[in-house]
Amino acid sequence: MKNLTLYYSATCPFCQKVLRFCDANGITLDMRSTSDPTAREELIRVGGKSQVPCLFIDGEPLYESNDIIGYLKDEFKV
């Protein structure tokens, strides 16, 4: 299994879309809220921008809610 970390904002509708998908399909990820300054700084340092949602897959960023959901569907066979 790959190392997956999802950066999100509680107020972002695209993040909520990804979170609802994970909840509906029983997918548990390492989650980091960008309301935590440390997580936000890490997102920018590693990913190069503050855009959320962002799924890090073995350290590589994947942006866009539909792309993240598509990846999770394939990875978790849902």
PDB file of N, CA and C in Angstrom:
ATOM      1  N   MET A   1       0.842  -1.190   0.000  1.00  0.00           N
ATOM      2  CA  MET A   1       0.000   0.000   0.000  1.00  0.00           C
ATOM      3  C   MET A   1       0.881   1.245   0.000  1.00  0.00           C
ATOM      4  N   LYS A   2       0.456   2.219  -0.744  1.00  0.00           N
ATOM      5  CA  LYS A   2       1.203   3.474  -0.841  1.00  0.00           C
ATOM      6  C   LYS A   2       0.931   4.347   0.381  1.00  0.00           C
ATOM      7  N   ASN A   3       1.848   5.263   0.634  1.00  0.00           N
ATOM      8  CA  ASN A   3       1.695   6.224   1.714  1.00  0.00           C
ATOM      9  C   ASN A   3       0.820   7.366   1.206  1.00  0.00           C
ATOM     10  N   LEU A   4      -0.387   7.517   1.774  1.00  0.00           N
ATOM     11  CA  LEU A   4      -1.355   8.515   1.318  1.00  0.00           C
ATOM     12  C   LEU A   4      -1.652   9.508   2.430  1.00  0.00           C
ATOM     13  N   THR A   5      -1.557  10.796   2.101  1.00  0.00           N
ATOM     14  CA  THR A   5      -1.889  11.863   3.039  1.00  0.00           C
ATOM     15  C   THR A   5      -2.758  12.876   2.315  1.00  0.00           C
ATOM     16  N   LEU A   6      -3.921  13.175   2.898  1.00  0.00           N
ATOM     17  CA  LEU A   6      -4.844  14.138   2.299  1.00  0.00           C
ATOM     18  C   LEU A   6      -4.792  15.449   3.075  1.00  0.00           C
ATOM     19  N   TYR A   7      -4.471  16.517   2.371  1.00  0.00           N
ATOM     20  CA  TYR A   7      -4.538  17.867   2.931  1.00  0.00           C
ATOM     21  C   TYR A   7      -5.870  18.465   2.519  1.00  0.00           C
ATOM     22  N   TYR A   8      -6.559  19.067   3.484  1.00  0.00           N
ATOM     23  CA  TYR A   8      -7.901  19.576   3.209  1.00  0.00           C
ATOM     24  C   TYR A   8      -8.190  20.810   4.060  1.00  0.00           C
ATOM     25  N   SER A   9      -9.246  21.498   3.673  1.00  0.00           N
ATOM     26  CA  SER A   9      -9.783  22.607   4.454  1.00  0.00           C
ATOM     27  C   SER A   9     -11.243  22.286   4.739  1.00  0.00           C
ATOM     28  N   ALA A  10     -11.660  22.460   5.975  1.00  0.00           N
ATOM     29  CA  ALA A  10     -13.031  22.125   6.375  1.00  0.00           C
ATOM     30  C   ALA A  10     -14.068  22.964   5.638  1.00  0.00           C
ATOM     31  N   THR A  11     -13.690  24.134   5.151  1.00  0.00           N
ATOM     32  CA  THR A  11     -14.655  25.018   4.495  1.00  0.00           C
ATOM     33  C   THR A  11     -14.655  24.891   2.966  1.00  0.00           C
ATOM     34  N   CYS A  12     -13.802  24.053   2.431  1.00  0.00           N
ATOM     35  CA  CYS A  12     -13.684  23.900   0.977  1.00  0.00           C
ATOM     36  C   CYS A  12     -14.691  22.868   0.461  1.00  0.00           C
ATOM     37  N   PRO A  13     -15.593  23.253  -0.449  1.00  0.00           N
ATOM     38  CA  PRO A  13     -16.587  22.293  -0.953  1.00  0.00           C
ATOM     39  C   PRO A  13     -15.959  21.130  -1.723  1.00  0.00           C
ATOM     40  N   PHE A  14     -14.837  21.366  -2.384  1.00  0.00           N
ATOM     41  CA  PHE A  14     -14.171  20.287  -3.121  1.00  0.00           C
ATOM     42  C   PHE A  14     -13.528  19.293  -2.158  1.00  0.00           C
ATOM     43  N   CYS A  15     -13.019  19.808  -1.039  1.00  0.00           N
ATOM     44  CA  CYS A  15     -12.484  18.930   0.009  1.00  0.00           C
ATOM     45  C   CYS A  15     -13.612  18.101   0.613  1.00  0.00           C
ATOM     46  N   GLN A  16     -14.745  18.746   0.855  1.00  0.00           N
ATOM     47  CA  GLN A  16     -15.890  18.026   1.414  1.00  0.00           C
ATOM     48  C   GLN A  16     -16.341  16.903   0.488  1.00  0.00           C
ATOM     49  N   LYS A  17     -16.275  17.128  -0.806  1.00  0.00           N
ATOM     50  CA  LYS A  17     -16.622  16.096  -1.783  1.00  0.00           C
ATOM     51  C   LYS A  17     -15.723  14.868  -1.607  1.00  0.00           C
ATOM     52  N   VAL A  18     -14.413  15.095  -1.465  1.00  0.00           N
ATOM     53  CA  VAL A  18     -13.468  13.995  -1.278  1.00  0.00           C
ATOM     54  C   VAL A  18     -13.705  13.316   0.069  1.00  0.00           C
ATOM     55  N   LEU A  19     -13.922  14.097   1.114  1.00  0.00           N
ATOM     56  CA  LEU A  19     -14.163  13.532   2.439  1.00  0.00           C
ATOM     57  C   LEU A  19     -15.439  12.691   2.466  1.00  0.00           C
ATOM     58  N   ARG A  20     -16.500  13.164   1.818  1.00  0.00           N
ATOM     59  CA  ARG A  20     -17.752  12.385   1.746  1.00  0.00           C
ATOM     60  C   ARG A  20     -17.529  11.081   1.000  1.00  0.00           C
ATOM     61  N   PHE A  21     -16.755  11.121  -0.084  1.00  0.00           N
ATOM     62  CA  PHE A  21     -16.452   9.903  -0.833  1.00  0.00           C
ATOM     63  C   PHE A  21     -15.712   8.903   0.063  1.00  0.00           C
ATOM     64  N   CYS A  22     -14.725   9.390   0.792  1.00  0.00           N
ATOM     65  CA  CYS A  22     -13.969   8.506   1.688  1.00  0.00           C
ATOM     66  C   CYS A  22     -14.884   7.902   2.754  1.00  0.00           C
ATOM     67  N   ASP A  23     -15.726   8.726   3.365  1.00  0.00           N
ATOM     68  CA  ASP A  23     -16.651   8.231   4.385  1.00  0.00           C
ATOM     69  C   ASP A  23     -17.604   7.188   3.816  1.00  0.00           C
ATOM     70  N   ALA A  24     -18.156   7.455   2.644  1.00  0.00           N
ATOM     71  CA  ALA A  24     -19.134   6.555   2.028  1.00  0.00           C
ATOM     72  C   ALA A  24     -18.524   5.209   1.651  1.00  0.00           C
ATOM     73  N   ASN A  25     -17.206   5.197   1.417  1.00  0.00           N
ATOM     74  CA  ASN A  25     -16.546   3.971   0.968  1.00  0.00           C
ATOM     75  C   ASN A  25     -15.608   3.367   2.009  1.00  0.00           C
ATOM     76  N   GLY A  26     -15.670   3.884   3.232  1.00  0.00           N
ATOM     77  CA  GLY A  26     -14.856   3.335   4.313  1.00  0.00           C
ATOM     78  C   GLY A  26     -13.364   3.484   4.111  1.00  0.00           C
ATOM     79  N   ILE A  27     -12.965   4.543   3.415  1.00  0.00           N
ATOM     80  CA  ILE A  27     -11.546   4.788   3.148  1.00  0.00           C
ATOM     81  C   ILE A  27     -10.979   5.676   4.249  1.00  0.00           C
ATOM     82  N   THR A  28      -9.944   5.191   4.897  1.00  0.00           N
ATOM     83  CA  THR A  28      -9.279   5.945   5.961  1.00  0.00           C
ATOM     84  C   THR A  28      -7.917   6.388   5.454  1.00  0.00           C
ATOM     85  N   LEU A  29      -7.668   7.682   5.553  1.00  0.00           N
ATOM     86  CA  LEU A  29      -6.406   8.261   5.106  1.00  0.00           C
ATOM     87  C   LEU A  29      -5.788   9.055   6.236  1.00  0.00           C
ATOM     88  N   ASP A  30      -4.498   9.300   6.138  1.00  0.00           N
ATOM     89  CA  ASP A  30      -3.846  10.265   7.006  1.00  0.00           C
ATOM     90  C   ASP A  30      -4.363  11.627   6.551  1.00  0.00           C
ATOM     91  N   MET A  31      -5.029  12.349   7.438  1.00  0.00           N
ATOM     92  CA  MET A  31      -5.651  13.630   7.090  1.00  0.00           C
ATOM     93  C   MET A  31      -4.933  14.769   7.801  1.00  0.00           C
ATOM     94  N   ARG A  32      -4.718  15.845   7.061  1.00  0.00           N
ATOM     95  CA  ARG A  32      -4.083  17.028   7.638  1.00  0.00           C
ATOM     96  C   ARG A  32      -4.878  18.263   7.232  1.00  0.00           C
ATOM     97  N   SER A  33      -5.430  18.921   8.218  1.00  0.00           N
ATOM     98  CA  SER A  33      -6.202  20.138   7.984  1.00  0.00           C
ATOM     99  C   SER A  33      -5.267  21.329   7.824  1.00  0.00           C
ATOM    100  N   THR A  34      -5.522  22.127   6.808  1.00  0.00           N
ATOM    101  CA  THR A  34      -4.686  23.310   6.589  1.00  0.00           C
ATOM    102  C   THR A  34      -5.014  24.431   7.569  1.00  0.00           C
ATOM    103  N   SER A  35      -5.983  24.208   8.472  1.00  0.00           N
ATOM    104  CA  SER A  35      -6.190  25.177   9.548  1.00  0.00           C
ATOM    105  C   SER A  35      -5.051  25.086  10.562  1.00  0.00           C
ATOM    106  N   ASP A  36      -4.314  23.982  10.525  1.00  0.00           N
ATOM    107  CA  ASP A  36      -3.103  23.823  11.329  1.00  0.00           C
ATOM    108  C   ASP A  36      -1.948  24.466  10.548  1.00  0.00           C
ATOM    109  N   PRO A  37      -1.352  25.521  11.076  1.00  0.00           N
ATOM    110  CA  PRO A  37      -0.286  26.214  10.340  1.00  0.00           C
ATOM    111  C   PRO A  37       0.869  25.303   9.923  1.00  0.00           C
ATOM    112  N   THR A  38       1.192  24.323  10.737  1.00  0.00           N
ATOM    113  CA  THR A  38       2.271  23.401  10.400  1.00  0.00           C
ATOM    114  C   THR A  38       1.917  22.585   9.165  1.00  0.00           C
ATOM    115  N   ALA A  39       0.682  22.096   9.102  1.00  0.00           N
ATOM    116  CA  ALA A  39       0.238  21.315   7.945  1.00  0.00           C
ATOM    117  C   ALA A  39       0.209  22.180   6.690  1.00  0.00           C
ATOM    118  N   ARG A  40      -0.273  23.400   6.827  1.00  0.00           N
ATOM    119  CA  ARG A  40      -0.323  24.320   5.672  1.00  0.00           C
ATOM    120  C   ARG A  40       1.083  24.603   5.142  1.00  0.00           C
ATOM    121  N   GLU A  41       2.022  24.849   6.043  1.00  0.00           N
ATOM    122  CA  GLU A  41       3.408  25.108   5.636  1.00  0.00           C
ATOM    123  C   GLU A  41       4.006  23.879   4.944  1.00  0.00           C
ATOM    124  N   GLU A  42       3.698  22.689   5.470  1.00  0.00           N
ATOM    125  CA  GLU A  42       4.209  21.464   4.867  1.00  0.00           C
ATOM    126  C   GLU A  42       3.629  21.274   3.460  1.00  0.00           C
ATOM    127  N   LEU A  43       2.335  21.536   3.297  1.00  0.00           N
ATOM    128  CA  LEU A  43       1.686  21.440   1.987  1.00  0.00           C
ATOM    129  C   LEU A  43       2.376  22.348   0.977  1.00  0.00           C
ATOM    130  N   ILE A  44       2.629  23.574   1.369  1.00  0.00           N
ATOM    131  CA  ILE A  44       3.271  24.533   0.468  1.00  0.00           C
ATOM    132  C   ILE A  44       4.725  24.138   0.196  1.00  0.00           C
ATOM    133  N   ARG A  45       5.430  23.709   1.225  1.00  0.00           N
ATOM    134  CA  ARG A  45       6.843  23.337   1.073  1.00  0.00           C
ATOM    135  C   ARG A  45       6.998  22.142   0.133  1.00  0.00           C
ATOM    136  N   VAL A  46       6.169  21.131   0.300  1.00  0.00           N
ATOM    137  CA  VAL A  46       6.314  19.906  -0.493  1.00  0.00           C
ATOM    138  C   VAL A  46       5.611  20.018  -1.837  1.00  0.00           C
ATOM    139  N   GLY A  47       4.393  20.575  -1.838  1.00  0.00           N
ATOM    140  CA  GLY A  47       3.601  20.633  -3.063  1.00  0.00           C
ATOM    141  C   GLY A  47       3.818  21.876  -3.902  1.00  0.00           C
ATOM    142  N   GLY A  48       4.368  22.916  -3.294  1.00  0.00           N
ATOM    143  CA  GLY A  48       4.642  24.131  -4.035  1.00  0.00           C
ATOM    144  C   GLY A  48       3.507  25.131  -4.078  1.00  0.00           C
ATOM    145  N   LYS A  49       2.343  24.752  -3.543  1.00  0.00           N
ATOM    146  CA  LYS A  49       1.211  25.686  -3.492  1.00  0.00           C
ATOM    147  C   LYS A  49       0.269  25.257  -2.378  1.00  0.00           C
ATOM    148  N   SER A  50      -0.679  26.131  -2.048  1.00  0.00           N
ATOM    149  CA  SER A  50      -1.580  25.863  -0.923  1.00  0.00           C
ATOM    150  C   SER A  50      -2.929  25.283  -1.360  1.00  0.00           C
ATOM    151  N   GLN A  51      -3.037  24.875  -2.592  1.00  0.00           N
ATOM    152  CA  GLN A  51      -4.310  24.365  -3.124  1.00  0.00           C
ATOM    153  C   GLN A  51      -4.735  23.081  -2.418  1.00  0.00           C
ATOM    154  N   VAL A  52      -6.019  23.047  -2.034  1.00  0.00           N
ATOM    155  CA  VAL A  52      -6.622  21.846  -1.466  1.00  0.00           C
ATOM    156  C   VAL A  52      -7.904  21.534  -2.226  1.00  0.00           C
ATOM    157  N   PRO A  53      -8.329  20.289  -2.272  1.00  0.00           N
ATOM    158  CA  PRO A  53      -7.692  19.147  -1.650  1.00  0.00           C
ATOM    159  C   PRO A  53      -6.424  18.759  -2.392  1.00  0.00           C
ATOM    160  N   CYS A  54      -5.526  18.165  -1.637  1.00  0.00           N
ATOM    161  CA  CYS A  54      -4.282  17.650  -2.205  1.00  0.00           C
ATOM    162  C   CYS A  54      -3.997  16.308  -1.559  1.00  0.00           C
ATOM    163  N   LEU A  55      -3.884  15.292  -2.378  1.00  0.00           N
ATOM    164  CA  LEU A  55      -3.528  13.963  -1.895  1.00  0.00           C
ATOM    165  C   LEU A  55      -2.070  13.712  -2.248  1.00  0.00           C
ATOM    166  N   PHE A  56      -1.247  13.511  -1.217  1.00  0.00           N
ATOM    167  CA  PHE A  56       0.142  13.124  -1.451  1.00  0.00           C
ATOM    168  C   PHE A  56       0.197  11.607  -1.544  1.00  0.00           C
ATOM    169  N   ILE A  57       0.736  11.117  -2.650  1.00  0.00           N
ATOM    170  CA  ILE A  57       0.886   9.692  -2.898  1.00  0.00           C
ATOM    171  C   ILE A  57       2.387   9.416  -2.896  1.00  0.00           C
ATOM    172  N   ASP A  58       2.848   8.788  -1.839  1.00  0.00           N
ATOM    173  CA  ASP A  58       4.295   8.562  -1.672  1.00  0.00           C
ATOM    174  C   ASP A  58       5.079   9.854  -1.895  1.00  0.00           C
ATOM    175  N   GLY A  59       4.540  10.956  -1.353  1.00  0.00           N
ATOM    176  CA  GLY A  59       5.234  12.238  -1.419  1.00  0.00           C
ATOM    177  C   GLY A  59       4.975  13.072  -2.663  1.00  0.00           C
ATOM    178  N   GLU A  60       4.222  12.532  -3.626  1.00  0.00           N
ATOM    179  CA  GLU A  60       3.921  13.270  -4.858  1.00  0.00           C
ATOM    180  C   GLU A  60       2.502  13.831  -4.778  1.00  0.00           C
ATOM    181  N   PRO A  61       2.301  15.129  -5.047  1.00  0.00           N
ATOM    182  CA  PRO A  61       0.982  15.725  -4.900  1.00  0.00           C
ATOM    183  C   PRO A  61       0.044  15.417  -6.070  1.00  0.00           C
ATOM    184  N   LEU A  62      -1.217  15.201  -5.723  1.00  0.00           N
ATOM    185  CA  LEU A  62      -2.293  15.066  -6.709  1.00  0.00           C
ATOM    186  C   LEU A  62      -3.376  16.041  -6.294  1.00  0.00           C
ATOM    187  N   TYR A  63      -3.721  16.957  -7.187  1.00  0.00           N
ATOM    188  CA  TYR A  63      -4.722  17.980  -6.912  1.00  0.00           C
ATOM    189  C   TYR A  63      -6.008  17.649  -7.675  1.00  0.00           C
ATOM    190  N   GLU A  64      -7.048  18.394  -7.395  1.00  0.00           N
ATOM    191  CA  GLU A  64      -8.366  18.297  -8.038  1.00  0.00           C
ATOM    192  C   GLU A  64      -9.169  17.139  -7.457  1.00  0.00           C
ATOM    193  N   SER A  65     -10.336  17.481  -6.938  1.00  0.00           N
ATOM    194  CA  SER A  65     -11.170  16.496  -6.252  1.00  0.00           C
ATOM    195  C   SER A  65     -11.532  15.311  -7.135  1.00  0.00           C
ATOM    196  N   ASN A  66     -11.886  15.548  -8.387  1.00  0.00           N
ATOM    197  CA  ASN A  66     -12.260  14.432  -9.267  1.00  0.00           C
ATOM    198  C   ASN A  66     -11.074  13.506  -9.539  1.00  0.00           C
ATOM    199  N   ASP A  67      -9.892  14.062  -9.676  1.00  0.00           N
ATOM    200  CA  ASP A  67      -8.696  13.242  -9.890  1.00  0.00           C
ATOM    201  C   ASP A  67      -8.373  12.424  -8.640  1.00  0.00           C
ATOM    202  N   ILE A  68      -8.530  13.043  -7.477  1.00  0.00           N
ATOM    203  CA  ILE A  68      -8.274  12.341  -6.218  1.00  0.00           C
ATOM    204  C   ILE A  68      -9.273  11.200  -6.043  1.00  0.00           C
ATOM    205  N   ILE A  69     -10.545  11.465  -6.293  1.00  0.00           N
ATOM    206  CA  ILE A  69     -11.563  10.422  -6.167  1.00  0.00           C
ATOM    207  C   ILE A  69     -11.305   9.299  -7.164  1.00  0.00           C
ATOM    208  N   GLY A  70     -10.941   9.634  -8.377  1.00  0.00           N
ATOM    209  CA  GLY A  70     -10.616   8.615  -9.380  1.00  0.00           C
ATOM    210  C   GLY A  70      -9.454   7.748  -8.935  1.00  0.00           C
ATOM    211  N   TYR A  71      -8.432   8.368  -8.382  1.00  0.00           N
ATOM    212  CA  TYR A  71      -7.285   7.617  -7.887  1.00  0.00           C
ATOM    213  C   TYR A  71      -7.716   6.676  -6.749  1.00  0.00           C
ATOM    214  N   LEU A  72      -8.492   7.202  -5.806  1.00  0.00           N
ATOM    215  CA  LEU A  72      -8.924   6.389  -4.668  1.00  0.00           C
ATOM    216  C   LEU A  72      -9.812   5.221  -5.105  1.00  0.00           C
ATOM    217  N   LYS A  73     -10.651   5.463  -6.103  1.00  0.00           N
ATOM    218  CA  LYS A  73     -11.497   4.374  -6.635  1.00  0.00           C
ATOM    219  C   LYS A  73     -10.610   3.236  -7.155  1.00  0.00           C
ATOM    220  N   ASP A  74      -9.589   3.587  -7.893  1.00  0.00           N
ATOM    221  CA  ASP A  74      -8.670   2.577  -8.439  1.00  0.00           C
ATOM    222  C   ASP A  74      -7.858   1.898  -7.339  1.00  0.00           C
ATOM    223  N   GLU A  75      -7.338   2.692  -6.442  1.00  0.00           N
ATOM    224  CA  GLU A  75      -6.451   2.168  -5.387  1.00  0.00           C
ATOM    225  C   GLU A  75      -7.199   1.243  -4.420  1.00  0.00           C
ATOM    226  N   PHE A  76      -8.443   1.621  -4.069  1.00  0.00           N
ATOM    227  CA  PHE A  76      -9.204   0.861  -3.093  1.00  0.00           C
ATOM    228  C   PHE A  76     -10.268  -0.045  -3.728  1.00  0.00           C
ATOM    229  N   LYS A  77     -10.285  -0.081  -5.054  1.00  0.00           N
ATOM    230  CA  LYS A  77     -11.207  -0.965  -5.797  1.00  0.00           C
ATOM    231  C   LYS A  77     -12.671  -0.762  -5.382  1.00  0.00           C
ATOM    232  N   VAL A  78     -13.092   0.527  -5.385  1.00  0.00           N
ATOM    233  CA  VAL A  78     -14.500   0.833  -5.047  1.00  0.00           C
ATOM    234  C   VAL A  78     -15.206   1.415  -6.254  1.00  0.00           C
TER     235      VAL A  78
END
